[in-house]
């Protein structure tokens, strides 16, 4: 039995690296609340495109890096991105068949779940409540999903990531 040859692992890591950079790039005060969850979007794409290569462990590692870079409670984003990766892999065959706009709504649900879990951890440790601006990154993520999807799909096809 011949094993399938994987290639393009460095491309996957590079896209996560770019997403982490976009997460910590300083923005003006008015745009701070509009920053999408770049790592979550990249994780959702790779879990849908290559669920056998990018999965729960990738979500955990990416979440720990987000925790370290943003100064969040260690494990806060790791927990929520792990759940997002699990759900994406669980339903990837269905979601891949959806039109891109319906995928965007699914991505919205996954990003809101990510934020709800992060909010739960924040409230658990005693941080104050949040304003409605807290939900803006999920909405922005939904609106830019077609762009993220087409860009990452082009990268995957261009570099023949399998």
Protein backbone atom coordinates (compact mmCIF):
# COMPACT_ATOMS: atom_id res chain seq x y z
CA UNK A 1 0.00 0.00 0.00
CA UNK A 2 1.41 3.33 -1.04
CA UNK A 3 1.10 6.25 1.34
CA UNK A 4 -0.15 9.54 -0.05
CA UNK A 5 2.63 12.07 -0.27
CA UNK A 6 1.96 15.31 1.54
CA UNK A 7 3.44 18.50 0.28
CA UNK A 8 3.04 22.15 1.05
CA UNK A 9 3.21 21.95 4.83
CA UNK A 10 5.37 25.06 4.86
CA UNK A 11 2.67 26.93 2.91
CA UNK A 12 0.09 26.03 5.56
CA UNK A 13 2.43 27.18 8.34
CA UNK A 14 3.16 30.39 6.42
CA UNK A 15 -0.56 31.22 6.11
CA UNK A 16 -0.97 30.75 9.86
CA UNK A 17 2.09 32.97 10.41
CA UNK A 18 0.57 35.71 8.25
CA UNK A 19 -2.73 35.35 10.14
CA UNK A 20 -0.88 35.73 13.45
CA UNK A 21 0.88 38.83 12.14
CA UNK A 22 -2.43 40.33 11.02
CA UNK A 23 -3.77 39.63 14.50
CA UNK A 24 -1.11 41.76 16.21
CA UNK A 25 -0.67 44.56 13.65
CA UNK A 26 -1.52 47.85 15.38
CA UNK A 27 -4.69 49.50 14.11
CA UNK A 28 -6.20 52.92 14.79
CA UNK A 29 -8.56 53.05 17.74
CA UNK A 30 -11.68 53.21 15.55
CA UNK A 31 -10.67 50.10 13.58
CA UNK A 32 -9.58 48.01 16.55
CA UNK A 33 -13.03 46.48 16.97
CA UNK A 34 -13.32 45.67 13.27
CA UNK A 35 -10.29 43.37 13.13
CA UNK A 36 -11.50 39.95 11.96
CA UNK A 37 -10.34 36.76 13.60
CA UNK A 38 -7.65 36.00 11.04
CA UNK A 39 -6.40 32.87 12.75
CA UNK A 40 -9.92 31.51 13.06
CA UNK A 41 -10.62 32.16 9.38
CA UNK A 42 -7.40 30.47 8.26
CA UNK A 43 -8.04 27.54 10.58
CA UNK A 44 -11.58 27.09 9.25
CA UNK A 45 -10.33 27.14 5.67
CA UNK A 46 -7.57 24.58 6.17
CA UNK A 47 -9.81 22.32 8.25
CA UNK A 48 -12.34 22.35 5.42
CA UNK A 49 -9.80 21.96 2.63
CA UNK A 50 -7.38 19.46 4.23
CA UNK A 51 -9.00 17.95 7.33
CA UNK A 52 -6.49 15.09 7.38
CA UNK A 53 -3.59 17.56 7.75
CA UNK A 54 -4.98 20.49 9.72
CA UNK A 55 -7.16 19.63 12.66
CA UNK A 56 -7.70 19.82 16.37
CA UNK A 57 -4.01 19.87 17.30
CA UNK A 58 -3.44 22.67 14.80
CA UNK A 59 -6.31 24.60 16.37
CA UNK A 60 -4.84 24.10 19.83
CA UNK A 61 -1.36 25.24 18.77
CA UNK A 62 -2.69 28.24 16.85
CA UNK A 63 -4.86 29.18 19.84
CA UNK A 64 -1.90 29.01 22.22
CA UNK A 65 0.07 31.28 19.91
CA UNK A 66 -2.84 33.74 19.80
CA UNK A 67 -2.98 33.63 23.62
CA UNK A 68 0.73 34.36 23.86
CA UNK A 69 0.68 37.15 21.28
CA UNK A 70 -2.41 38.92 22.57
CA UNK A 71 -1.79 38.50 26.29
CA UNK A 72 -4.99 36.56 26.86
CA UNK A 73 -5.43 33.92 29.53
CA UNK A 74 -3.30 30.97 28.46
CA UNK A 75 -5.62 28.45 26.88
CA UNK A 76 -8.54 30.79 26.26
CA UNK A 77 -8.21 30.90 22.48
CA UNK A 78 -6.68 27.44 22.39
CA UNK A 79 -9.85 25.93 23.83
CA UNK A 80 -12.19 27.80 21.53
CA UNK A 81 -10.15 27.25 18.36
CA UNK A 82 -9.94 23.55 19.19
CA UNK A 83 -13.74 23.39 19.32
CA UNK A 84 -13.98 25.38 16.07
CA UNK A 85 -11.52 22.98 14.39
CA UNK A 86 -13.46 19.97 15.66
CA UNK A 87 -16.79 21.27 14.38
CA UNK A 88 -15.31 22.32 11.05
CA UNK A 89 -13.80 18.89 10.50
CA UNK A 90 -16.98 17.19 11.67
CA UNK A 91 -19.09 19.02 9.08
CA UNK A 92 -16.50 19.82 6.39
CA UNK A 93 -18.04 17.58 3.73
CA UNK A 94 -21.38 19.33 4.04
CA UNK A 95 -20.02 22.85 4.29
CA UNK A 96 -17.76 22.42 1.25
CA UNK A 97 -20.85 21.78 -0.87
CA UNK A 98 -22.52 25.02 0.22
CA UNK A 99 -22.39 28.09 -2.02
CA UNK A 100 -19.83 30.63 -0.81
CA UNK A 101 -22.46 32.90 0.78
CA UNK A 102 -23.93 30.02 2.76
CA UNK A 103 -20.40 29.07 3.80
CA UNK A 104 -19.99 32.64 5.05
CA UNK A 105 -23.02 32.20 7.33
CA UNK A 106 -21.53 28.94 8.64
CA UNK A 107 -18.25 30.75 9.25
CA UNK A 108 -20.19 33.42 11.16
CA UNK A 109 -21.65 30.76 13.45
CA UNK A 110 -18.20 29.24 14.05
CA UNK A 111 -16.62 32.64 14.76
CA UNK A 112 -19.43 33.58 17.14
CA UNK A 113 -18.90 30.28 18.93
CA UNK A 114 -15.20 31.12 19.21
CA UNK A 115 -16.02 34.50 20.69
CA UNK A 116 -18.66 33.08 23.05
CA UNK A 117 -16.15 30.63 24.49
CA UNK A 118 -13.53 33.38 24.85
CA UNK A 119 -16.16 35.57 26.54
CA UNK A 120 -17.08 32.71 28.88
CA UNK A 121 -13.47 32.36 29.99
CA UNK A 122 -13.13 36.14 30.44
CA UNK A 123 -16.27 36.32 32.55
CA UNK A 124 -15.17 33.26 34.52
CA UNK A 125 -11.97 35.02 35.62
CA UNK A 126 -13.89 38.16 36.55
CA UNK A 127 -13.34 40.54 33.66
CA UNK A 128 -16.14 43.08 33.09
CA UNK A 129 -18.83 42.71 30.44
CA UNK A 130 -18.36 43.68 26.83
CA UNK A 131 -20.07 46.13 24.52
CA UNK A 132 -21.75 45.27 21.24
CA UNK A 133 -18.45 46.02 19.48
CA UNK A 134 -17.28 42.65 20.77
CA UNK A 135 -19.32 40.88 18.07
CA UNK A 136 -18.04 43.01 15.15
CA UNK A 137 -15.05 40.75 14.30
CA UNK A 138 -17.39 37.84 13.63
CA UNK A 139 -19.50 39.92 11.26
CA UNK A 140 -16.42 41.26 9.49
CA UNK A 141 -15.11 37.70 9.23
CA UNK A 142 -18.36 36.64 7.59
CA UNK A 143 -18.17 39.47 5.05
CA UNK A 144 -14.54 38.82 4.11
CA UNK A 145 -14.90 35.01 4.02
CA UNK A 146 -15.33 34.92 0.20
CA UNK A 147 -12.07 36.86 -0.19
CA UNK A 148 -10.22 34.69 2.36
CA UNK A 149 -11.59 31.52 0.80
CA UNK A 150 -10.62 32.45 -2.75
CA UNK A 151 -7.18 33.69 -1.71
CA UNK A 152 -6.31 30.58 0.29
CA UNK A 153 -7.75 28.31 -2.39
CA UNK A 154 -5.57 30.07 -4.97
CA UNK A 155 -2.53 29.62 -2.74
CA UNK A 156 -3.38 25.96 -2.17
CA UNK A 157 -3.77 25.29 -5.87
CA UNK A 158 -0.79 27.42 -6.88
CA UNK A 159 1.59 25.63 -4.52
CA UNK A 160 -0.19 22.27 -4.99
CA UNK A 161 -0.72 21.77 -1.29
CA UNK A 162 -2.03 18.26 -0.66
